[in-house]
Amino acid sequence: MCEKLGVNLVNLRGAGFVEKSCNGKILKNLYISKIVLDADVIINLPKFKTHSLTIFTGSIKNMFGIIPAGLRRKFTANT
């Protein structure tokens, strides 16, 4: 479908990650996909589903792809 519509479908790890300052009370900096930072538009299409710890998962986990896999556990409520 992406090819048919002329949409560029990419792997968010493809161009590496860039460290960005957050200036938060807990989160001081974050690594974000360079592709995401350079994009004009990001379309996130989550599927509707449930999880044993929540009623509805929504699109939050879909966006975990914008941070490096090794840092994802740091941003979950279970750690």
PDB file of N, CA and C in Angstrom:
ATOM      1  N   MET A   1       0.827  -1.181   0.000  1.00  0.00           N
ATOM      2  CA  MET A   1       0.000   0.000   0.000  1.00  0.00           C
ATOM      3  C   MET A   1       0.876   1.250   0.000  1.00  0.00           C
ATOM      4  N   CYS A   2       1.962   1.234   0.811  1.00  0.00           N
ATOM      5  CA  CYS A   2       2.840   2.409   0.865  1.00  0.00           C
ATOM      6  C   CYS A   2       3.424   2.727  -0.501  1.00  0.00           C
ATOM      7  N   GLU A   3       3.886   1.695  -1.196  1.00  0.00           N
ATOM      8  CA  GLU A   3       4.453   1.906  -2.529  1.00  0.00           C
ATOM      9  C   GLU A   3       3.416   2.479  -3.489  1.00  0.00           C
ATOM     10  N   LYS A   4       2.218   1.940  -3.419  1.00  0.00           N
ATOM     11  CA  LYS A   4       1.129   2.403  -4.284  1.00  0.00           C
ATOM     12  C   LYS A   4       0.831   3.885  -4.047  1.00  0.00           C
ATOM     13  N   LEU A   5       0.903   4.315  -2.776  1.00  0.00           N
ATOM     14  CA  LEU A   5       0.582   5.698  -2.438  1.00  0.00           C
ATOM     15  C   LEU A   5       1.794   6.624  -2.430  1.00  0.00           C
ATOM     16  N   GLY A   6       2.986   6.066  -2.688  1.00  0.00           N
ATOM     17  CA  GLY A   6       4.190   6.892  -2.701  1.00  0.00           C
ATOM     18  C   GLY A   6       4.651   7.296  -1.304  1.00  0.00           C
ATOM     19  N   VAL A   7       4.337   6.455  -0.316  1.00  0.00           N
ATOM     20  CA  VAL A   7       4.715   6.723   1.069  1.00  0.00           C
ATOM     21  C   VAL A   7       5.988   5.961   1.390  1.00  0.00           C
ATOM     22  N   ASN A   8       6.937   6.614   2.051  1.00  0.00           N
ATOM     23  CA  ASN A   8       8.200   5.989   2.405  1.00  0.00           C
ATOM     24  C   ASN A   8       8.057   5.260   3.744  1.00  0.00           C
ATOM     25  N   LEU A   9       8.038   3.929   3.714  1.00  0.00           N
ATOM     26  CA  LEU A   9       7.967   3.110   4.918  1.00  0.00           C
ATOM     27  C   LEU A   9       9.390   2.797   5.348  1.00  0.00           C
ATOM     28  N   VAL A  10       9.766   3.142   6.587  1.00  0.00           N
ATOM     29  CA  VAL A  10      11.159   3.010   7.019  1.00  0.00           C
ATOM     30  C   VAL A  10      11.280   2.270   8.343  1.00  0.00           C
ATOM     31  N   ASN A  11      12.458   1.711   8.569  1.00  0.00           N
ATOM     32  CA  ASN A  11      12.816   1.140   9.864  1.00  0.00           C
ATOM     33  C   ASN A  11      13.414   2.283  10.681  1.00  0.00           C
ATOM     34  N   LEU A  12      12.834   2.586  11.833  1.00  0.00           N
ATOM     35  CA  LEU A  12      13.255   3.750  12.617  1.00  0.00           C
ATOM     36  C   LEU A  12      14.667   3.624  13.173  1.00  0.00           C
ATOM     37  N   ARG A  13      15.255   2.421  13.142  1.00  0.00           N
ATOM     38  CA  ARG A  13      16.641   2.242  13.590  1.00  0.00           C
ATOM     39  C   ARG A  13      17.630   2.514  12.469  1.00  0.00           C
ATOM     40  N   GLY A  14      17.153   2.668  11.248  1.00  0.00           N
ATOM     41  CA  GLY A  14      17.997   2.753  10.068  1.00  0.00           C
ATOM     42  C   GLY A  14      19.057   3.833  10.071  1.00  0.00           C
ATOM     43  N   ALA A  15      18.781   4.994  10.607  1.00  0.00           N
ATOM     44  CA  ALA A  15      19.727   6.122  10.576  1.00  0.00           C
ATOM     45  C   ALA A  15      20.355   6.388  11.938  1.00  0.00           C
ATOM     46  N   GLY A  16      20.098   5.510  12.910  1.00  0.00           N
ATOM     47  CA  GLY A  16      20.661   5.697  14.241  1.00  0.00           C
ATOM     48  C   GLY A  16      19.802   6.599  15.106  1.00  0.00           C
ATOM     49  N   PHE A  17      20.365   6.950  16.252  1.00  0.00           N
ATOM     50  CA  PHE A  17      19.633   7.721  17.256  1.00  0.00           C
ATOM     51  C   PHE A  17      20.415   8.972  17.650  1.00  0.00           C
ATOM     52  N   VAL A  18      19.698   9.990  18.082  1.00  0.00           N
ATOM     53  CA  VAL A  18      20.291  11.270  18.478  1.00  0.00           C
ATOM     54  C   VAL A  18      19.902  11.541  19.932  1.00  0.00           C
ATOM     55  N   GLU A  19      20.851  11.977  20.733  1.00  0.00           N
ATOM     56  CA  GLU A  19      20.550  12.316  22.124  1.00  0.00           C
ATOM     57  C   GLU A  19      19.936  13.709  22.188  1.00  0.00           C
ATOM     58  N   LYS A  20      18.811  13.812  22.871  1.00  0.00           N
ATOM     59  CA  LYS A  20      18.120  15.095  23.034  1.00  0.00           C
ATOM     60  C   LYS A  20      17.906  15.360  24.516  1.00  0.00           C
ATOM     61  N   SER A  21      18.064  16.590  24.927  1.00  0.00           N
ATOM     62  CA  SER A  21      17.838  16.991  26.308  1.00  0.00           C
ATOM     63  C   SER A  21      16.345  17.161  26.559  1.00  0.00           C
ATOM     64  N   CYS A  22      15.876  16.676  27.721  1.00  0.00           N
ATOM     65  CA  CYS A  22      14.453  16.789  28.078  1.00  0.00           C
ATOM     66  C   CYS A  22      14.221  17.825  29.171  1.00  0.00           C
ATOM     67  N   ASN A  23      15.247  18.098  29.964  1.00  0.00           N
ATOM     68  CA  ASN A  23      15.149  19.042  31.068  1.00  0.00           C
ATOM     69  C   ASN A  23      14.022  18.709  32.039  1.00  0.00           C
ATOM     70  N   GLY A  24      13.726  17.420  32.198  1.00  0.00           N
ATOM     71  CA  GLY A  24      12.677  17.004  33.121  1.00  0.00           C
ATOM     72  C   GLY A  24      13.216  16.769  34.516  1.00  0.00           C
ATOM     73  N   LYS A  25      12.329  16.569  35.462  1.00  0.00           N
ATOM     74  CA  LYS A  25      12.737  16.285  36.841  1.00  0.00           C
ATOM     75  C   LYS A  25      13.375  14.912  36.954  1.00  0.00           C
ATOM     76  N   ILE A  26      12.870  13.945  36.218  1.00  0.00           N
ATOM     77  CA  ILE A  26      13.416  12.587  36.249  1.00  0.00           C
ATOM     78  C   ILE A  26      14.195  12.286  34.974  1.00  0.00           C
ATOM     79  N   LEU A  27      13.596  12.548  33.838  1.00  0.00           N
ATOM     80  CA  LEU A  27      14.214  12.254  32.547  1.00  0.00           C
ATOM     81  C   LEU A  27      15.026  13.463  32.088  1.00  0.00           C
ATOM     82  N   LYS A  28      16.328  13.323  32.085  1.00  0.00           N
ATOM     83  CA  LYS A  28      17.215  14.440  31.715  1.00  0.00           C
ATOM     84  C   LYS A  28      17.538  14.462  30.228  1.00  0.00           C
ATOM     85  N   ASN A  29      17.687  13.272  29.637  1.00  0.00           N
ATOM     86  CA  ASN A  29      17.945  13.190  28.202  1.00  0.00           C
ATOM     87  C   ASN A  29      17.339  11.911  27.653  1.00  0.00           C
ATOM     88  N   LEU A  30      17.239  11.844  26.338  1.00  0.00           N
ATOM     89  CA  LEU A  30      16.585  10.728  25.672  1.00  0.00           C
ATOM     90  C   LEU A  30      17.216  10.551  24.303  1.00  0.00           C
ATOM     91  N   TYR A  31      17.369   9.311  23.885  1.00  0.00           N
ATOM     92  CA  TYR A  31      17.831   9.030  22.519  1.00  0.00           C
ATOM     93  C   TYR A  31      16.608   8.778  21.654  1.00  0.00           C
ATOM     94  N   ILE A  32      16.502   9.510  20.543  1.00  0.00           N
ATOM     95  CA  ILE A  32      15.355   9.412  19.643  1.00  0.00           C
ATOM     96  C   ILE A  32      15.855   9.134  18.235  1.00  0.00           C
ATOM     97  N   SER A  33      15.101   8.348  17.498  1.00  0.00           N
ATOM     98  CA  SER A  33      15.445   8.015  16.119  1.00  0.00           C
ATOM     99  C   SER A  33      15.683   9.287  15.298  1.00  0.00           C
ATOM    100  N   LYS A  34      16.803   9.314  14.578  1.00  0.00           N
ATOM    101  CA  LYS A  34      17.116  10.463  13.715  1.00  0.00           C
ATOM    102  C   LYS A  34      16.047  10.619  12.632  1.00  0.00           C
ATOM    103  N   ILE A  35      15.521   9.509  12.164  1.00  0.00           N
ATOM    104  CA  ILE A  35      14.468   9.549  11.141  1.00  0.00           C
ATOM    105  C   ILE A  35      13.234  10.279  11.679  1.00  0.00           C
ATOM    106  N   VAL A  36      12.877  10.021  12.935  1.00  0.00           N
ATOM    107  CA  VAL A  36      11.725  10.682  13.550  1.00  0.00           C
ATOM    108  C   VAL A  36      11.979  12.184  13.674  1.00  0.00           C
ATOM    109  N   LEU A  37      13.168  12.546  14.118  1.00  0.00           N
ATOM    110  CA  LEU A  37      13.490  13.967  14.284  1.00  0.00           C
ATOM    111  C   LEU A  37      13.480  14.721  12.957  1.00  0.00           C
ATOM    112  N   ASP A  38      13.857  14.035  11.871  1.00  0.00           N
ATOM    113  CA  ASP A  38      13.925  14.675  10.557  1.00  0.00           C
ATOM    114  C   ASP A  38      12.603  14.627   9.783  1.00  0.00           C
ATOM    115  N   ALA A  39      11.633  13.854  10.271  1.00  0.00           N
ATOM    116  CA  ALA A  39      10.373  13.655   9.544  1.00  0.00           C
ATOM    117  C   ALA A  39       9.451  14.872   9.625  1.00  0.00           C
ATOM    118  N   ASP A  40       8.723  15.095   8.563  1.00  0.00           N
ATOM    119  CA  ASP A  40       7.684  16.127   8.550  1.00  0.00           C
ATOM    120  C   ASP A  40       6.414  15.591   9.210  1.00  0.00           C
ATOM    121  N   VAL A  41       6.143  14.294   9.002  1.00  0.00           N
ATOM    122  CA  VAL A  41       4.932  13.665   9.511  1.00  0.00           C
ATOM    123  C   VAL A  41       5.251  12.229   9.937  1.00  0.00           C
ATOM    124  N   ILE A  42       4.665  11.803  11.042  1.00  0.00           N
ATOM    125  CA  ILE A  42       4.748  10.410  11.469  1.00  0.00           C
ATOM    126  C   ILE A  42       3.321   9.928  11.656  1.00  0.00           C
ATOM    127  N   ILE A  43       2.994   8.813  11.026  1.00  0.00           N
ATOM    128  CA  ILE A  43       1.664   8.235  11.163  1.00  0.00           C
ATOM    129  C   ILE A  43       1.801   6.975  12.009  1.00  0.00           C
ATOM    130  N   ASN A  44       1.136   6.942  13.151  1.00  0.00           N
ATOM    131  CA  ASN A  44       1.171   5.813  14.063  1.00  0.00           C
ATOM    132  C   ASN A  44      -0.177   5.112  13.993  1.00  0.00           C
ATOM    133  N   LEU A  45      -0.195   3.861  13.542  1.00  0.00           N
ATOM    134  CA  LEU A  45      -1.443   3.123  13.386  1.00  0.00           C
ATOM    135  C   LEU A  45      -1.465   1.924  14.324  1.00  0.00           C
ATOM    136  N   PRO A  46      -1.879   2.129  15.572  1.00  0.00           N
ATOM    137  CA  PRO A  46      -1.944   1.003  16.503  1.00  0.00           C
ATOM    138  C   PRO A  46      -3.174   0.142  16.225  1.00  0.00           C
ATOM    139  N   LYS A  47      -3.085  -1.104  16.631  1.00  0.00           N
ATOM    140  CA  LYS A  47      -4.285  -1.942  16.558  1.00  0.00           C
ATOM    141  C   LYS A  47      -4.936  -1.942  17.928  1.00  0.00           C
ATOM    142  N   PHE A  48      -6.239  -2.084  17.969  1.00  0.00           N
ATOM    143  CA  PHE A  48      -6.954  -2.143  19.232  1.00  0.00           C
ATOM    144  C   PHE A  48      -6.708  -3.497  19.875  1.00  0.00           C
ATOM    145  N   LYS A  49      -6.245  -3.492  21.116  1.00  0.00           N
ATOM    146  CA  LYS A  49      -6.053  -4.736  21.845  1.00  0.00           C
ATOM    147  C   LYS A  49      -6.020  -4.439  23.336  1.00  0.00           C
ATOM    148  N   THR A  50      -6.092  -5.483  24.125  1.00  0.00           N
ATOM    149  CA  THR A  50      -6.015  -5.330  25.571  1.00  0.00           C
ATOM    150  C   THR A  50      -4.749  -6.015  26.074  1.00  0.00           C
ATOM    151  N   HIS A  51      -4.429  -5.768  27.309  1.00  0.00           N
ATOM    152  CA  HIS A  51      -3.241  -6.339  27.936  1.00  0.00           C
ATOM    153  C   HIS A  51      -3.623  -6.709  29.358  1.00  0.00           C
ATOM    154  N   SER A  52      -2.976  -7.724  29.932  1.00  0.00           N
ATOM    155  CA  SER A  52      -3.353  -8.182  31.268  1.00  0.00           C
ATOM    156  C   SER A  52      -3.158  -7.116  32.346  1.00  0.00           C
ATOM    157  N   LEU A  53      -2.278  -6.149  32.120  1.00  0.00           N
ATOM    158  CA  LEU A  53      -2.025  -5.110  33.115  1.00  0.00           C
ATOM    159  C   LEU A  53      -2.803  -3.818  32.856  1.00  0.00           C
ATOM    160  N   THR A  54      -3.428  -3.721  31.692  1.00  0.00           N
ATOM    161  CA  THR A  54      -4.194  -2.514  31.365  1.00  0.00           C
ATOM    162  C   THR A  54      -5.511  -2.903  30.707  1.00  0.00           C
ATOM    163  N   ILE A  55      -6.396  -1.944  30.579  1.00  0.00           N
ATOM    164  CA  ILE A  55      -7.655  -2.190  29.882  1.00  0.00           C
ATOM    165  C   ILE A  55      -7.450  -2.030  28.383  1.00  0.00           C
ATOM    166  N   PHE A  56      -6.637  -1.047  28.004  1.00  0.00           N
ATOM    167  CA  PHE A  56      -6.426  -0.718  26.591  1.00  0.00           C
ATOM    168  C   PHE A  56      -4.989  -0.284  26.400  1.00  0.00           C
ATOM    169  N   THR A  57      -4.308  -0.829  25.397  1.00  0.00           N
ATOM    170  CA  THR A  57      -2.890  -0.488  25.207  1.00  0.00           C
ATOM    171  C   THR A  57      -2.680   0.756  24.348  1.00  0.00           C
ATOM    172  N   GLY A  58      -3.551   1.029  23.413  1.00  0.00           N
ATOM    173  CA  GLY A  58      -3.435   2.226  22.584  1.00  0.00           C
ATOM    174  C   GLY A  58      -2.170   2.280  21.754  1.00  0.00           C
ATOM    175  N   SER A  59      -1.653   3.474  21.564  1.00  0.00           N
ATOM    176  CA  SER A  59      -0.528   3.657  20.656  1.00  0.00           C
ATOM    177  C   SER A  59       0.814   3.864  21.349  1.00  0.00           C
ATOM    178  N   ILE A  60       0.842   3.871  22.669  1.00  0.00           N
ATOM    179  CA  ILE A  60       2.088   4.149  23.383  1.00  0.00           C
ATOM    180  C   ILE A  60       3.186   3.158  23.018  1.00  0.00           C
ATOM    181  N   LYS A  61       2.907   1.869  23.103  1.00  0.00           N
ATOM    182  CA  LYS A  61       3.934   0.872  22.824  1.00  0.00           C
ATOM    183  C   LYS A  61       4.376   0.936  21.367  1.00  0.00           C
ATOM    184  N   ASN A  62       3.512   1.289  20.456  1.00  0.00           N
ATOM    185  CA  ASN A  62       3.900   1.446  19.057  1.00  0.00           C
ATOM    186  C   ASN A  62       5.058   2.429  18.918  1.00  0.00           C
ATOM    187  N   MET A  63       5.057   3.463  19.706  1.00  0.00           N
ATOM    188  CA  MET A  63       6.073   4.505  19.588  1.00  0.00           C
ATOM    189  C   MET A  63       7.381   4.143  20.289  1.00  0.00           C
ATOM    190  N   PHE A  64       7.452   2.962  20.924  1.00  0.00           N
ATOM    191  CA  PHE A  64       8.713   2.521  21.512  1.00  0.00           C
ATOM    192  C   PHE A  64       9.788   2.371  20.442  1.00  0.00           C
ATOM    193  N   GLY A  65       9.405   2.240  19.185  1.00  0.00           N
ATOM    194  CA  GLY A  65      10.375   2.115  18.100  1.00  0.00           C
ATOM    195  C   GLY A  65      11.226   3.354  17.894  1.00  0.00           C
ATOM    196  N   ILE A  66      10.831   4.479  18.475  1.00  0.00           N
ATOM    197  CA  ILE A  66      11.621   5.699  18.275  1.00  0.00           C
ATOM    198  C   ILE A  66      12.805   5.792  19.230  1.00  0.00           C
ATOM    199  N   ILE A  67      12.869   4.897  20.244  1.00  0.00           N
ATOM    200  CA  ILE A  67      14.013   4.893  21.161  1.00  0.00           C
ATOM    201  C   ILE A  67      14.769   3.576  21.015  1.00  0.00           C
ATOM    202  N   PRO A  68      16.069   3.546  21.315  1.00  0.00           N
ATOM    203  CA  PRO A  68      16.854   2.317  21.163  1.00  0.00           C
ATOM    204  C   PRO A  68      16.301   1.181  22.027  1.00  0.00           C
ATOM    205  N   ALA A  69      16.351  -0.038  21.505  1.00  0.00           N
ATOM    206  CA  ALA A  69      15.807  -1.204  22.195  1.00  0.00           C
ATOM    207  C   ALA A  69      16.397  -1.382  23.590  1.00  0.00           C
ATOM    208  N   GLY A  70      17.665  -1.111  23.766  1.00  0.00           N
ATOM    209  CA  GLY A  70      18.312  -1.283  25.055  1.00  0.00           C
ATOM    210  C   GLY A  70      17.827  -0.319  26.128  1.00  0.00           C
ATOM    211  N   LEU A  71      17.189   0.762  25.741  1.00  0.00           N
ATOM    212  CA  LEU A  71      16.703   1.754  26.705  1.00  0.00           C
ATOM    213  C   LEU A  71      15.203   1.656  26.972  1.00  0.00           C
ATOM    214  N   ARG A  72      14.500   0.821  26.258  1.00  0.00           N
ATOM    215  CA  ARG A  72      13.038   0.748  26.387  1.00  0.00           C
ATOM    216  C   ARG A  72      12.598   0.335  27.780  1.00  0.00           C
ATOM    217  N   ARG A  73      13.280  -0.601  28.391  1.00  0.00           N
ATOM    218  CA  ARG A  73      12.893  -1.088  29.720  1.00  0.00           C
ATOM    219  C   ARG A  73      12.927   0.046  30.743  1.00  0.00           C
ATOM    220  N   LYS A  74      13.800   1.009  30.544  1.00  0.00           N
ATOM    221  CA  LYS A  74      13.918   2.156  31.428  1.00  0.00           C
ATOM    222  C   LYS A  74      12.627   2.989  31.483  1.00  0.00           C
ATOM    223  N   PHE A  75      11.827   2.923  30.419  1.00  0.00           N
ATOM    224  CA  PHE A  75      10.635   3.760  30.312  1.00  0.00           C
ATOM    225  C   PHE A  75       9.341   3.017  30.568  1.00  0.00           C
ATOM    226  N   THR A  76       9.411   1.794  31.096  1.00  0.00           N
ATOM    227  CA  THR A  76       8.191   1.049  31.395  1.00  0.00           C
ATOM    228  C   THR A  76       7.868   1.174  32.874  1.00  0.00           C
ATOM    229  N   ALA A  77       6.625   1.026  33.199  1.00  0.00           N
ATOM    230  CA  ALA A  77       6.184   1.170  34.599  1.00  0.00           C
ATOM    231  C   ALA A  77       6.612  -0.003  35.467  1.00  0.00           C
ATOM    232  N   ASN A  78       6.990  -1.115  34.876  1.00  0.00           N
ATOM    233  CA  ASN A  78       7.327  -2.318  35.629  1.00  0.00           C
ATOM    234  C   ASN A  78       8.762  -2.351  36.125  1.00  0.00           C
ATOM    235  N   THR A  79       9.596  -1.364  35.809  1.00  0.00           N
ATOM    236  CA  THR A  79      11.001  -1.408  36.210  1.00  0.00           C
ATOM    237  C   THR A  79      11.248  -0.610  37.463  1.00  0.00           C
TER     238      THR A  79
END
